[in-house]
Amino acid sequence: MISRRSAFRRTKRLFVIAAEGDATEPLYFAAFQPGRHGTFRLKVLDNPRHKTSPLEVGERLTENERRYQPGPDTEYWVVVDRDTWSEDELVAAWALIGRQRSRYHLALSNPCFELWLWLPLLPNRPFADCQDCCRSLAREWPGFRTKSHFDVAALVTNGNIADACKRARELDTDPRTPWPRDQTTRIHHLVESLR
């Protein structure tokens, strides 16, 4: 008996990412593009109007879902920094994504996304703010020139990703909260999903 392959392929899981930054985060997540034969699809949304508040980042995702209706096998990720956003601004974003909690996720870094770039290479140390983190990253890692020009390949090796995830979990002293209050990052949740 001849067995036939189904004419329909199983739909690949789609990850849609909207980030606060328009350079660092898209450059980083581009390294995870699975290619044609990958097991998932990845779409990083542009930020043409540089709308960066947590609520505006979340709204880009909901607008994308409304416009393209990609289906139930889709995860949406809001990637933002703690920076100077007020609690009210974070609460507004959390309320927006909370309506779709099973498919919408918040990956917040405190103080900034560059902390996630630090963790694959070096153990954590306290940073005063995002500027301090970026200056330290540039000083300690020759592969980091600017937020839009850094050696992504050095960060996404399996060993470096594993180290970063381990360090991020150790930093997150209260993972049940909607976003971290202390210096940490929850980017590892997204990266672990992509791996």
Protein backbone atom coordinates (compact mmCIF):
# COMPACT_ATOMS: atom_id res chain seq x y z
CA MET A 1 0.00 0.00 0.00
CA ILE A 2 1.29 3.44 -0.91
CA SER A 3 1.17 5.98 1.87
CA ARG A 4 0.43 9.55 0.91
CA ARG A 5 1.56 12.65 2.62
CA SER A 6 -1.15 15.03 3.59
CA ALA A 7 -1.67 17.92 1.20
CA PHE A 8 -1.85 20.25 4.17
CA ARG A 9 1.08 21.14 6.35
CA ARG A 10 0.67 21.83 9.99
CA THR A 11 0.62 25.56 10.68
CA LYS A 12 3.81 26.74 12.31
CA ARG A 13 3.56 28.68 15.54
CA LEU A 14 3.93 32.42 14.92
CA PHE A 15 5.72 34.75 17.34
CA VAL A 16 4.94 38.45 16.87
CA ILE A 17 7.22 40.84 18.76
CA ALA A 18 6.68 44.54 19.30
CA ALA A 19 9.56 46.30 21.01
CA GLU A 20 10.08 49.71 22.52
CA GLY A 21 13.39 50.17 20.71
CA ASP A 22 13.73 50.44 16.98
CA ALA A 23 17.36 49.30 16.68
CA THR A 24 18.70 47.03 19.43
CA GLU A 25 15.76 44.66 19.86
CA PRO A 26 15.03 44.11 16.13
CA LEU A 27 18.72 43.48 15.48
CA TYR A 28 18.88 40.97 18.33
CA PHE A 29 15.69 39.08 17.48
CA ALA A 30 16.58 38.90 13.76
CA ALA A 31 19.17 36.31 14.80
CA PHE A 32 16.31 33.97 15.73
CA GLN A 33 14.68 33.98 12.28
CA PRO A 34 14.12 30.27 11.71
CA GLY A 35 14.32 30.28 7.93
CA ARG A 36 12.09 28.39 5.58
CA HIS A 37 12.52 25.02 7.25
CA GLY A 38 12.22 26.23 10.84
CA THR A 39 9.65 24.98 13.29
CA PHE A 40 8.07 28.40 13.88
CA ARG A 41 7.67 31.79 12.21
CA LEU A 42 8.85 35.11 13.64
CA LYS A 43 7.67 38.63 12.91
CA VAL A 44 9.27 41.66 14.57
CA LEU A 45 7.06 44.71 14.07
CA ASP A 46 8.56 47.99 12.91
CA ASN A 47 8.20 51.09 15.02
CA PRO A 48 7.95 53.76 12.30
CA ARG A 49 6.52 56.51 14.51
CA HIS A 50 8.83 55.64 17.41
CA LYS A 51 5.92 55.06 19.77
CA THR A 52 7.66 53.69 22.80
CA SER A 53 5.37 53.74 25.81
CA PRO A 54 4.46 50.26 27.05
CA LEU A 55 0.83 50.85 26.08
CA GLU A 56 1.76 52.01 22.57
CA VAL A 57 3.97 48.94 22.10
CA GLY A 58 1.07 46.71 23.17
CA GLU A 59 -1.31 48.56 20.85
CA ARG A 60 0.98 47.82 17.89
CA LEU A 61 0.47 44.13 18.63
CA THR A 62 -3.31 44.37 18.96
CA GLU A 63 -3.46 46.41 15.73
CA ASN A 64 -1.36 43.78 13.96
CA GLU A 65 -3.66 41.03 15.20
CA ARG A 66 -6.76 42.97 14.12
CA ARG A 67 -5.35 43.73 10.68
CA TYR A 68 -3.81 40.36 9.76
CA GLN A 69 -5.77 37.91 11.95
CA PRO A 70 -2.95 35.35 12.00
CA GLY A 71 -4.91 32.76 13.95
CA PRO A 72 -4.94 31.02 17.32
CA ASP A 73 -1.44 29.54 17.04
CA THR A 74 0.16 32.95 17.60
CA GLU A 75 2.02 34.40 20.57
CA TYR A 76 2.35 38.16 21.00
CA TRP A 77 5.27 39.65 22.96
CA VAL A 78 5.55 43.18 24.32
CA VAL A 79 9.27 43.89 24.82
CA VAL A 80 9.87 47.06 26.85
CA ASP A 81 12.30 48.63 29.29
CA ARG A 82 11.45 49.79 32.79
CA ASP A 83 13.42 53.00 32.24
CA THR A 84 11.38 55.95 33.42
CA TRP A 85 7.89 54.60 32.76
CA SER A 86 5.48 55.22 35.63
CA GLU A 87 3.58 52.47 37.38
CA ASP A 88 0.38 53.79 35.77
CA GLU A 89 1.89 53.39 32.28
CA LEU A 90 2.93 49.83 33.05
CA VAL A 91 -0.47 49.05 34.56
CA ALA A 92 -2.18 50.33 31.38
CA ALA A 93 -0.06 48.05 29.20
CA TRP A 94 -0.63 45.12 31.54
CA ALA A 95 -4.38 45.71 31.41
CA LEU A 96 -4.30 45.71 27.59
CA ILE A 97 -2.37 42.46 27.31
CA GLY A 98 -4.21 40.97 30.29
CA ARG A 99 -7.35 40.63 28.19
CA GLN A 100 -5.52 38.04 26.10
CA ARG A 101 -3.26 36.62 28.82
CA SER A 102 -2.87 33.21 27.20
CA ARG A 103 -1.46 34.65 23.96
CA TYR A 104 -0.03 38.03 25.02
CA HIS A 105 3.12 38.27 27.12
CA LEU A 106 5.17 41.04 28.68
CA ALA A 107 8.97 40.74 28.60
CA LEU A 108 10.17 43.73 30.58
CA SER A 109 13.80 44.51 31.36
CA ASN A 110 14.73 46.63 34.36
CA PRO A 111 16.45 48.99 33.70
CA CYS A 112 16.77 48.22 29.94
CA PHE A 113 17.06 45.60 27.21
CA GLU A 114 20.85 45.97 27.22
CA LEU A 115 20.88 44.12 30.56
CA TRP A 116 19.82 41.07 28.54
CA LEU A 117 22.82 41.66 26.22
CA TRP A 118 25.10 41.77 29.28
CA LEU A 119 23.92 38.49 30.82
CA PRO A 120 25.12 36.05 28.10
CA LEU A 121 28.67 37.30 28.57
CA LEU A 122 29.12 38.42 32.16
CA PRO A 123 27.60 37.85 35.60
CA ASN A 124 25.17 40.48 36.76
CA ARG A 125 26.30 43.64 38.50
CA PRO A 126 24.20 46.58 39.68
CA PHE A 127 23.59 49.30 37.09
CA ALA A 128 22.49 52.81 38.06
CA ASP A 129 20.40 53.17 34.88
CA CYS A 130 20.34 52.31 31.18
CA GLN A 131 23.22 54.67 30.37
CA ASP A 132 25.40 52.95 32.96
CA CYS A 133 24.48 49.55 31.54
CA CYS A 134 25.31 50.60 27.95
CA ARG A 135 28.60 52.25 28.95
CA SER A 136 29.61 49.16 30.91
CA LEU A 137 28.65 46.89 28.04
CA ALA A 138 30.76 48.93 25.59
CA ARG A 139 33.70 48.95 28.01
CA GLU A 140 33.60 45.23 28.88
CA TRP A 141 32.64 43.76 25.50
CA PRO A 142 34.45 44.86 22.32
CA GLY A 143 31.58 43.38 20.26
CA PHE A 144 29.23 46.15 21.44
CA ARG A 145 29.84 49.41 19.61
CA THR A 146 26.43 51.03 19.74
CA LYS A 147 22.81 50.02 20.32
CA SER A 148 22.42 49.46 16.59
CA HIS A 149 25.80 47.81 15.95
CA PHE A 150 26.87 44.82 18.00
CA ASP A 151 27.99 41.23 17.47
CA VAL A 152 24.68 39.40 17.75
CA ALA A 153 26.20 36.04 16.84
CA ALA A 154 28.34 36.09 20.00
CA LEU A 155 25.19 36.41 22.11
CA VAL A 156 23.03 33.70 20.59
CA THR A 157 25.27 30.67 20.88
CA ASN A 158 23.62 27.90 22.88
CA GLY A 159 26.02 28.23 25.80
CA ASN A 160 25.64 32.01 26.02
CA ILE A 161 21.85 31.84 25.83
CA ALA A 162 21.79 29.16 28.53
CA ASP A 163 24.01 31.33 30.76
CA ALA A 164 21.83 34.41 30.17
CA CYS A 165 18.62 32.51 30.97
CA LYS A 166 20.12 31.06 34.14
CA ARG A 167 21.36 34.48 35.28
CA ALA A 168 18.02 36.13 34.49
CA ARG A 169 16.10 33.51 36.49
CA GLU A 170 18.46 34.02 39.44
CA LEU A 171 17.89 37.80 39.31
CA ASP A 172 14.11 37.55 39.19
CA THR A 173 13.36 37.34 42.91
CA ASP A 174 9.57 37.51 42.47
CA PRO A 175 8.60 35.99 39.10
CA ARG A 176 4.88 36.07 39.95
CA THR A 177 4.69 39.86 39.62
CA PRO A 178 3.52 41.24 36.24
CA TRP A 179 6.92 42.93 35.74
CA PRO A 180 10.17 42.92 37.69
CA ARG A 181 10.57 45.59 40.35
CA ASP A 182 14.30 45.05 40.83
CA GLN A 183 17.11 44.89 38.29
CA THR A 184 16.39 41.90 36.08
CA THR A 185 15.01 40.99 32.70
CA ARG A 186 12.28 38.63 31.59
CA ILE A 187 13.49 38.37 28.01
CA HIS A 188 14.51 34.80 28.82
CA HIS A 189 10.85 33.74 28.69
CA LEU A 190 10.64 34.81 25.05
CA VAL A 191 14.07 33.47 24.11
CA GLU A 192 13.30 30.09 25.68
CA SER A 193 10.08 29.94 23.66
CA LEU A 194 12.00 30.72 20.47
CA ARG A 195 14.56 27.99 21.17
